[in-house]
Amino acid sequence: MNYAVRFTYTILLISLSALLLPAPASALDDSDKPQIEKIIREYLLKNPEILQEMQQLFEARQQALQVAKQQETIKQKAQAIFDSKYQVEIGNPDAKYKVVEFFDYNCPYCQRAMLDMEKILKGNPDVKFVIKEWPVLGQQSYEAHNVSIAFSKLMPEKYYEFHQQLLGMKGRKGEKKAIELALRFGLDEQLLRAEMKKPYVLEALQENNSIANDLGITGTPSYVIGNEVVFGAVGVTKLMSHIAAMKN
């Protein structure tokens, strides 16, 4: 029995107990429970839809609480979410609206999301993407993002191309593939490896992880658009609907 069903059962038990016990009602003791449970069971068997209705109501309220918490977090951490010193922005530098994306280089859904981003940027010069490097798919992801963050500092003008090519590669991406790609852009390997060891690389990953946890984000890709959190590779149409809401 899941939590929502147990919650519903408890509410029914309390409600029916109040109706069935004589007034003034004495405290419900163990001797009352079999009778009450039998009545509740018979009632639910005759009216099973009530469980579904109450569970839907419970889940809707839980969702509303989650959204309210997310909105409060976005308000409190707006600086870190939208204007962090660690982030990279893709698109028109003068764009008014920002879409924040959490991604992992080894997430196949993030490859699809990258194509969505490209389409949105192409047709909406007033929108840019804030890239949050968030390795959640193992050690190789962590290594690839280390390289990526260092690359973004050393060659910021080439980051978008690097991001597209590394994310678009087939198979698992780790340090080896990421460094090989970075070198093809002309970076010196020793310089890159030295940059990867600087404190800001870990600080960036820690900040992104903290934000994701506070927002209840558990997977990639995920977005922050205005005061909304959007989970999953939902496609251009849905993303644009959230962007339109943000603009309004």
C-alpha atoms as a PDB file:
ATOM      1  CA  MET A   1       0.000   0.000   0.000  1.00  0.00           C
ATOM      2  CA  ASN A   2       1.613   3.293  -1.081  1.00  0.00           C
ATOM      3  CA  TYR A   3       1.726   6.434   1.017  1.00  0.00           C
ATOM      4  CA  ALA A   4      -1.251   8.105  -0.661  1.00  0.00           C
ATOM      5  CA  VAL A   5      -3.458   5.051  -0.158  1.00  0.00           C
ATOM      6  CA  ARG A   6      -2.382   4.726   3.486  1.00  0.00           C
ATOM      7  CA  PHE A   7      -3.111   8.409   3.944  1.00  0.00           C
ATOM      8  CA  THR A   8      -6.571   7.947   2.427  1.00  0.00           C
ATOM      9  CA  TYR A   9      -7.259   4.918   4.614  1.00  0.00           C
ATOM     10  CA  THR A  10      -6.274   6.861   7.727  1.00  0.00           C
ATOM     11  CA  ILE A  11      -8.556   9.766   6.841  1.00  0.00           C
ATOM     12  CA  LEU A  12     -11.449   7.382   6.240  1.00  0.00           C
ATOM     13  CA  LEU A  13     -10.768   5.633   9.533  1.00  0.00           C
ATOM     14  CA  ILE A  14     -10.869   8.902  11.449  1.00  0.00           C
ATOM     15  CA  SER A  15     -13.947  10.167   9.624  1.00  0.00           C
ATOM     16  CA  LEU A  16     -15.980   6.992   9.934  1.00  0.00           C
ATOM     17  CA  SER A  17     -14.909   6.521  13.535  1.00  0.00           C
ATOM     18  CA  ALA A  18     -16.322   9.929  14.363  1.00  0.00           C
ATOM     19  CA  LEU A  19     -19.606   8.964  12.722  1.00  0.00           C
ATOM     20  CA  LEU A  20     -19.908   5.499  14.201  1.00  0.00           C
ATOM     21  CA  LEU A  21     -18.843   6.011  17.772  1.00  0.00           C
ATOM     22  CA  PRO A  22     -21.543   7.210  20.164  1.00  0.00           C
ATOM     23  CA  ALA A  23     -21.472  10.818  21.245  1.00  0.00           C
ATOM     24  CA  PRO A  24     -19.667  11.864  23.219  1.00  0.00           C
ATOM     25  CA  ALA A  25     -17.211   9.519  21.510  1.00  0.00           C
ATOM     26  CA  SER A  26     -14.826   7.627  23.715  1.00  0.00           C
ATOM     27  CA  ALA A  27     -11.273   7.173  22.545  1.00  0.00           C
ATOM     28  CA  LEU A  28     -10.876   4.551  19.847  1.00  0.00           C
ATOM     29  CA  ASP A  29      -9.251   1.490  21.404  1.00  0.00           C
ATOM     30  CA  ASP A  30      -8.120  -1.877  20.047  1.00  0.00           C
ATOM     31  CA  SER A  31     -11.507  -3.495  20.585  1.00  0.00           C
ATOM     32  CA  ASP A  32     -13.130  -0.974  18.203  1.00  0.00           C
ATOM     33  CA  LYS A  33     -10.658  -1.460  15.360  1.00  0.00           C
ATOM     34  CA  PRO A  34     -11.936  -4.751  13.852  1.00  0.00           C
ATOM     35  CA  GLN A  35     -15.472  -3.387  13.541  1.00  0.00           C
ATOM     36  CA  ILE A  36     -14.327  -0.074  12.084  1.00  0.00           C
ATOM     37  CA  GLU A  37     -11.907  -1.738   9.646  1.00  0.00           C
ATOM     38  CA  LYS A  38     -14.644  -4.117   8.481  1.00  0.00           C
ATOM     39  CA  ILE A  39     -16.996  -1.209   7.806  1.00  0.00           C
ATOM     40  CA  ILE A  40     -14.286   0.725   5.965  1.00  0.00           C
ATOM     41  CA  ARG A  41     -13.370  -2.308   3.866  1.00  0.00           C
ATOM     42  CA  GLU A  42     -16.985  -2.910   2.881  1.00  0.00           C
ATOM     43  CA  TYR A  43     -17.421   0.777   2.103  1.00  0.00           C
ATOM     44  CA  LEU A  44     -14.324   0.869  -0.124  1.00  0.00           C
ATOM     45  CA  LEU A  45     -15.324  -2.318  -1.934  1.00  0.00           C
ATOM     46  CA  LYS A  46     -18.666  -0.731  -2.776  1.00  0.00           C
ATOM     47  CA  ASN A  47     -17.079   2.650  -3.638  1.00  0.00           C
ATOM     48  CA  PRO A  48     -13.539   1.949  -4.938  1.00  0.00           C
ATOM     49  CA  GLU A  49     -13.506   5.185  -6.939  1.00  0.00           C
ATOM     50  CA  ILE A  50     -13.119   7.182  -3.737  1.00  0.00           C
ATOM     51  CA  LEU A  51      -9.569   5.902  -3.296  1.00  0.00           C
ATOM     52  CA  GLN A  52      -8.627   7.067  -6.762  1.00  0.00           C
ATOM     53  CA  GLU A  53     -10.275  10.434  -6.215  1.00  0.00           C
ATOM     54  CA  MET A  54      -8.542  10.993  -2.886  1.00  0.00           C
ATOM     55  CA  GLN A  55      -5.193   9.839  -4.243  1.00  0.00           C
ATOM     56  CA  GLN A  56      -5.512  12.236  -7.188  1.00  0.00           C
ATOM     57  CA  LEU A  57      -6.335  15.054  -4.781  1.00  0.00           C
ATOM     58  CA  PHE A  58      -3.412  14.123  -2.544  1.00  0.00           C
ATOM     59  CA  GLU A  59      -0.987  14.012  -5.494  1.00  0.00           C
ATOM     60  CA  ALA A  60      -2.291  17.332  -6.829  1.00  0.00           C
ATOM     61  CA  ARG A  61      -1.681  18.974  -3.473  1.00  0.00           C
ATOM     62  CA  GLN A  62       1.787  17.448  -3.252  1.00  0.00           C
ATOM     63  CA  GLN A  63       2.536  18.758  -6.739  1.00  0.00           C
ATOM     64  CA  ALA A  64       1.315  22.214  -5.773  1.00  0.00           C
ATOM     65  CA  LEU A  65       3.568  22.172  -2.708  1.00  0.00           C
ATOM     66  CA  GLN A  66       6.526  21.100  -4.849  1.00  0.00           C
ATOM     67  CA  VAL A  67       5.891  23.895  -7.365  1.00  0.00           C
ATOM     68  CA  ALA A  68       5.615  26.460  -4.580  1.00  0.00           C
ATOM     69  CA  LYS A  69       8.903  25.244  -3.094  1.00  0.00           C
ATOM     70  CA  GLN A  70      10.583  25.399  -6.517  1.00  0.00           C
ATOM     71  CA  GLN A  71       9.361  28.938  -7.096  1.00  0.00           C
ATOM     72  CA  GLU A  72      10.673  30.031  -3.706  1.00  0.00           C
ATOM     73  CA  THR A  73      14.042  28.410  -4.468  1.00  0.00           C
ATOM     74  CA  ILE A  74      14.210  30.150  -7.852  1.00  0.00           C
ATOM     75  CA  LYS A  75      13.499  33.456  -6.136  1.00  0.00           C
ATOM     76  CA  GLN A  76      16.089  32.922  -3.418  1.00  0.00           C
ATOM     77  CA  LYS A  77      18.805  31.546  -5.721  1.00  0.00           C
ATOM     78  CA  ALA A  78      18.116  33.658  -8.815  1.00  0.00           C
ATOM     79  CA  GLN A  79      21.684  34.944  -8.949  1.00  0.00           C
ATOM     80  CA  ALA A  80      23.223  31.463  -8.966  1.00  0.00           C
ATOM     81  CA  ILE A  81      20.605  30.066 -11.349  1.00  0.00           C
ATOM     82  CA  PHE A  82      20.558  32.783 -13.986  1.00  0.00           C
ATOM     83  CA  ASP A  83      23.784  34.767 -13.509  1.00  0.00           C
ATOM     84  CA  SER A  84      26.404  32.530 -11.927  1.00  0.00           C
ATOM     85  CA  LYS A  85      30.047  33.388 -12.475  1.00  0.00           C
ATOM     86  CA  TYR A  86      30.561  29.743 -13.453  1.00  0.00           C
ATOM     87  CA  GLN A  87      27.944  29.439 -16.180  1.00  0.00           C
ATOM     88  CA  VAL A  88      28.261  29.545 -19.950  1.00  0.00           C
ATOM     89  CA  GLU A  89      25.624  31.221 -22.114  1.00  0.00           C
ATOM     90  CA  ILE A  90      24.780  30.130 -25.650  1.00  0.00           C
ATOM     91  CA  GLY A  91      22.941  32.348 -28.099  1.00  0.00           C
ATOM     92  CA  ASN A  92      22.607  36.073 -28.652  1.00  0.00           C
ATOM     93  CA  PRO A  93      24.587  37.801 -25.852  1.00  0.00           C
ATOM     94  CA  ASP A  94      22.007  40.595 -25.827  1.00  0.00           C
ATOM     95  CA  ALA A  95      18.996  38.268 -25.590  1.00  0.00           C
ATOM     96  CA  LYS A  96      16.524  39.335 -22.925  1.00  0.00           C
ATOM     97  CA  TYR A  97      15.246  35.893 -21.909  1.00  0.00           C
ATOM     98  CA  LYS A  98      17.234  32.989 -20.445  1.00  0.00           C
ATOM     99  CA  VAL A  99      16.505  29.278 -20.493  1.00  0.00           C
ATOM    100  CA  VAL A 100      18.594  27.380 -17.944  1.00  0.00           C
ATOM    101  CA  GLU A 101      19.451  23.784 -18.876  1.00  0.00           C
ATOM    102  CA  PHE A 102      21.003  21.094 -16.679  1.00  0.00           C
ATOM    103  CA  PHE A 103      22.681  18.426 -18.798  1.00  0.00           C
ATOM    104  CA  ASP A 104      25.057  15.453 -18.712  1.00  0.00           C
ATOM    105  CA  TYR A 105      27.370  14.620 -21.612  1.00  0.00           C
ATOM    106  CA  ASN A 106      26.414  10.936 -21.385  1.00  0.00           C
ATOM    107  CA  CYS A 107      22.668  11.541 -21.347  1.00  0.00           C
ATOM    108  CA  PRO A 108      21.104  10.382 -24.651  1.00  0.00           C
ATOM    109  CA  TYR A 109      18.066  12.583 -24.065  1.00  0.00           C
ATOM    110  CA  CYS A 110      20.382  15.589 -23.794  1.00  0.00           C
ATOM    111  CA  GLN A 111      21.461  14.962 -27.386  1.00  0.00           C
ATOM    112  CA  ARG A 112      17.841  15.395 -28.463  1.00  0.00           C
ATOM    113  CA  ALA A 113      17.530  18.423 -26.207  1.00  0.00           C
ATOM    114  CA  MET A 114      20.566  19.979 -27.894  1.00  0.00           C
ATOM    115  CA  LEU A 115      18.730  19.862 -31.226  1.00  0.00           C
ATOM    116  CA  ASP A 116      15.742  21.525 -29.545  1.00  0.00           C
ATOM    117  CA  MET A 117      18.027  24.260 -28.246  1.00  0.00           C
ATOM    118  CA  GLU A 118      19.480  24.850 -31.702  1.00  0.00           C
ATOM    119  CA  LYS A 119      16.026  25.231 -33.232  1.00  0.00           C
ATOM    120  CA  ILE A 120      14.876  27.628 -30.511  1.00  0.00           C
ATOM    121  CA  LEU A 121      18.005  29.775 -30.778  1.00  0.00           C
ATOM    122  CA  LYS A 122      17.723  29.936 -34.543  1.00  0.00           C
ATOM    123  CA  GLY A 123      14.161  31.242 -34.483  1.00  0.00           C
ATOM    124  CA  ASN A 124      14.270  33.347 -31.314  1.00  0.00           C
ATOM    125  CA  PRO A 125      17.095  35.903 -31.119  1.00  0.00           C
ATOM    126  CA  ASP A 126      15.642  37.238 -27.868  1.00  0.00           C
ATOM    127  CA  VAL A 127      16.332  33.893 -26.117  1.00  0.00           C
ATOM    128  CA  LYS A 128      19.624  32.430 -24.934  1.00  0.00           C
ATOM    129  CA  PHE A 129      20.498  29.274 -23.021  1.00  0.00           C
ATOM    130  CA  VAL A 130      22.372  29.096 -19.731  1.00  0.00           C
ATOM    131  CA  ILE A 131      24.313  25.837 -19.613  1.00  0.00           C
ATOM    132  CA  LYS A 132      24.596  24.063 -16.253  1.00  0.00           C
ATOM    133  CA  GLU A 133      27.141  21.252 -16.343  1.00  0.00           C
ATOM    134  CA  TRP A 134      25.723  18.534 -14.108  1.00  0.00           C
ATOM    135  CA  PRO A 135      27.387  15.089 -14.316  1.00  0.00           C
ATOM    136  CA  VAL A 136      24.991  12.557 -12.804  1.00  0.00           C
ATOM    137  CA  LEU A 137      25.766   9.471 -14.890  1.00  0.00           C
ATOM    138  CA  GLY A 138      28.985   8.248 -13.357  1.00  0.00           C
ATOM    139  CA  GLN A 139      32.698   8.930 -13.225  1.00  0.00           C
ATOM    140  CA  GLN A 140      33.132   9.327 -16.981  1.00  0.00           C
ATOM    141  CA  SER A 141      30.541  12.083 -17.022  1.00  0.00           C
ATOM    142  CA  TYR A 142      32.309  13.810 -14.142  1.00  0.00           C
ATOM    143  CA  GLU A 143      35.612  13.673 -16.054  1.00  0.00           C
ATOM    144  CA  ALA A 144      34.061  14.940 -19.297  1.00  0.00           C
ATOM    145  CA  HIS A 145      32.488  17.896 -17.517  1.00  0.00           C
ATOM    146  CA  ASN A 146      35.799  18.740 -15.849  1.00  0.00           C
ATOM    147  CA  VAL A 147      37.339  19.068 -19.285  1.00  0.00           C
ATOM    148  CA  SER A 148      34.363  21.027 -20.584  1.00  0.00           C
ATOM    149  CA  ILE A 149      34.397  23.595 -17.788  1.00  0.00           C
ATOM    150  CA  ALA A 150      38.140  24.164 -18.189  1.00  0.00           C
ATOM    151  CA  PHE A 151      37.702  24.439 -21.966  1.00  0.00           C
ATOM    152  CA  SER A 152      34.980  27.064 -21.508  1.00  0.00           C
ATOM    153  CA  LYS A 153      37.437  29.266 -19.615  1.00  0.00           C
ATOM    154  CA  LEU A 154      40.341  28.811 -22.005  1.00  0.00           C
ATOM    155  CA  MET A 155      38.382  29.042 -25.278  1.00  0.00           C
ATOM    156  CA  PRO A 156      34.958  30.552 -24.501  1.00  0.00           C
ATOM    157  CA  GLU A 157      34.438  31.570 -28.120  1.00  0.00           C
ATOM    158  CA  LYS A 158      34.682  27.910 -29.168  1.00  0.00           C
ATOM    159  CA  TYR A 159      32.668  26.395 -26.335  1.00  0.00           C
ATOM    160  CA  TYR A 160      29.411  26.019 -28.252  1.00  0.00           C
ATOM    161  CA  GLU A 161      31.140  24.027 -30.999  1.00  0.00           C
ATOM    162  CA  PHE A 162      32.951  21.919 -28.410  1.00  0.00           C
ATOM    163  CA  HIS A 163      29.691  21.329 -26.533  1.00  0.00           C
ATOM    164  CA  GLN A 164      27.856  20.272 -29.691  1.00  0.00           C
ATOM    165  CA  GLN A 165      30.575  17.877 -30.817  1.00  0.00           C
ATOM    166  CA  LEU A 166      31.198  16.246 -27.437  1.00  0.00           C
ATOM    167  CA  LEU A 167      27.513  15.835 -26.647  1.00  0.00           C
ATOM    168  CA  GLY A 168      26.869  14.518 -30.159  1.00  0.00           C
ATOM    169  CA  MET A 169      29.543  11.803 -29.994  1.00  0.00           C
ATOM    170  CA  LYS A 170      28.446   8.170 -29.919  1.00  0.00           C
ATOM    171  CA  GLY A 171      29.286   5.990 -26.931  1.00  0.00           C
ATOM    172  CA  ARG A 172      30.436   6.941 -23.465  1.00  0.00           C
ATOM    173  CA  LYS A 173      32.332  10.196 -23.095  1.00  0.00           C
ATOM    174  CA  GLY A 174      35.014  10.565 -20.460  1.00  0.00           C
ATOM    175  CA  GLU A 175      38.249  12.467 -19.958  1.00  0.00           C
ATOM    176  CA  LYS A 176      40.078  10.820 -22.864  1.00  0.00           C
ATOM    177  CA  LYS A 177      37.498  11.667 -25.526  1.00  0.00           C
ATOM    178  CA  ALA A 178      36.905  15.147 -24.126  1.00  0.00           C
ATOM    179  CA  ILE A 179      40.612  16.017 -24.081  1.00  0.00           C
ATOM    180  CA  GLU A 180      41.152  14.596 -27.569  1.00  0.00           C
ATOM    181  CA  LEU A 181      38.346  16.813 -28.824  1.00  0.00           C
ATOM    182  CA  ALA A 182      39.688  19.865 -26.981  1.00  0.00           C
ATOM    183  CA  LEU A 183      43.124  19.371 -28.566  1.00  0.00           C
ATOM    184  CA  ARG A 184      41.540  19.366 -32.018  1.00  0.00           C
ATOM    185  CA  PHE A 185      40.441  22.919 -31.266  1.00  0.00           C
ATOM    186  CA  GLY A 186      44.093  23.865 -30.775  1.00  0.00           C
ATOM    187  CA  LEU A 187      44.408  23.766 -26.972  1.00  0.00           C
ATOM    188  CA  ASP A 188      47.685  22.770 -25.372  1.00  0.00           C
ATOM    189  CA  GLU A 189      47.176  19.586 -23.328  1.00  0.00           C
ATOM    190  CA  GLN A 190      49.365  20.643 -20.396  1.00  0.00           C
ATOM    191  CA  LEU A 191      47.585  23.981 -20.202  1.00  0.00           C
ATOM    192  CA  LEU A 192      44.207  22.244 -20.287  1.00  0.00           C
ATOM    193  CA  ARG A 193      45.136  19.713 -17.608  1.00  0.00           C
ATOM    194  CA  ALA A 194      46.451  22.466 -15.366  1.00  0.00           C
ATOM    195  CA  GLU A 195      43.195  24.400 -15.818  1.00  0.00           C
ATOM    196  CA  MET A 196      41.156  21.312 -14.930  1.00  0.00           C
ATOM    197  CA  LYS A 197      42.817  21.237 -11.495  1.00  0.00           C
ATOM    198  CA  LYS A 198      41.842  24.784 -10.563  1.00  0.00           C
ATOM    199  CA  PRO A 199      39.327  25.135  -7.689  1.00  0.00           C
ATOM    200  CA  TYR A 200      36.617  26.844  -9.758  1.00  0.00           C
ATOM    201  CA  VAL A 201      36.012  23.646 -11.761  1.00  0.00           C
ATOM    202  CA  LEU A 202      34.863  21.724  -8.697  1.00  0.00           C
ATOM    203  CA  GLU A 203      33.092  24.802  -7.332  1.00  0.00           C
ATOM    204  CA  ALA A 204      31.017  25.067 -10.515  1.00  0.00           C
ATOM    205  CA  LEU A 205      29.943  21.430 -10.297  1.00  0.00           C
ATOM    206  CA  GLN A 206      29.116  21.770  -6.606  1.00  0.00           C
ATOM    207  CA  GLU A 207      27.012  24.870  -7.202  1.00  0.00           C
ATOM    208  CA  ASN A 208      25.065  23.215 -10.013  1.00  0.00           C
ATOM    209  CA  ASN A 209      24.487  20.120  -7.894  1.00  0.00           C
ATOM    210  CA  SER A 210      23.245  22.221  -4.985  1.00  0.00           C
ATOM    211  CA  ILE A 211      20.797  24.130  -7.198  1.00  0.00           C
ATOM    212  CA  ALA A 212      19.505  20.932  -8.801  1.00  0.00           C
ATOM    213  CA  ASN A 213      18.934  19.299  -5.414  1.00  0.00           C
ATOM    214  CA  ASP A 214      17.127  22.357  -4.039  1.00  0.00           C
ATOM    215  CA  LEU A 215      14.853  22.409  -7.104  1.00  0.00           C
ATOM    216  CA  GLY A 216      14.060  18.704  -6.844  1.00  0.00           C
ATOM    217  CA  ILE A 217      15.758  17.942 -10.164  1.00  0.00           C
ATOM    218  CA  THR A 218      16.703  14.276 -10.407  1.00  0.00           C
ATOM    219  CA  GLY A 219      17.641  13.790 -14.063  1.00  0.00           C
ATOM    220  CA  THR A 220      18.791  15.403 -17.281  1.00  0.00           C
ATOM    221  CA  PRO A 221      17.868  17.329 -19.255  1.00  0.00           C
ATOM    222  CA  SER A 222      15.958  19.635 -16.940  1.00  0.00           C
ATOM    223  CA  TYR A 223      15.206  23.322 -17.347  1.00  0.00           C
ATOM    224  CA  VAL A 224      14.440  26.442 -15.386  1.00  0.00           C
ATOM    225  CA  ILE A 225      12.281  28.776 -17.484  1.00  0.00           C
ATOM    226  CA  GLY A 226      11.103  31.879 -15.683  1.00  0.00           C
ATOM    227  CA  ASN A 227       9.742  30.621 -12.362  1.00  0.00           C
ATOM    228  CA  GLU A 228       9.055  27.093 -13.640  1.00  0.00           C
ATOM    229  CA  VAL A 229      11.067  23.875 -13.533  1.00  0.00           C
ATOM    230  CA  VAL A 230      10.595  21.668 -16.606  1.00  0.00           C
ATOM    231  CA  PHE A 231      11.728  18.049 -16.494  1.00  0.00           C
ATOM    232  CA  GLY A 232      12.890  15.972 -19.457  1.00  0.00           C
ATOM    233  CA  ALA A 233      13.478  16.352 -23.181  1.00  0.00           C
ATOM    234  CA  VAL A 234       9.976  17.699 -23.755  1.00  0.00           C
ATOM    235  CA  GLY A 235      10.564  19.039 -27.268  1.00  0.00           C
ATOM    236  CA  VAL A 236      10.517  22.426 -28.966  1.00  0.00           C
ATOM    237  CA  THR A 237       6.754  22.975 -28.821  1.00  0.00           C
ATOM    238  CA  LYS A 238       6.487  22.514 -25.062  1.00  0.00           C
ATOM    239  CA  LEU A 239       9.645  24.482 -24.362  1.00  0.00           C
ATOM    240  CA  MET A 240       8.315  27.346 -26.455  1.00  0.00           C
ATOM    241  CA  SER A 241       5.058  27.304 -24.504  1.00  0.00           C
ATOM    242  CA  HIS A 242       7.011  27.782 -21.282  1.00  0.00           C
ATOM    243  CA  ILE A 243       9.138  30.477 -22.905  1.00  0.00           C
ATOM    244  CA  ALA A 244       5.983  32.276 -24.023  1.00  0.00           C
ATOM    245  CA  ALA A 245       4.664  32.110 -20.452  1.00  0.00           C
ATOM    246  CA  MET A 246       7.937  33.546 -19.194  1.00  0.00           C
ATOM    247  CA  LYS A 247       7.763  36.414 -21.670  1.00  0.00           C
ATOM    248  CA  ASN A 248       4.199  37.215 -20.609  1.00  0.00           C
END
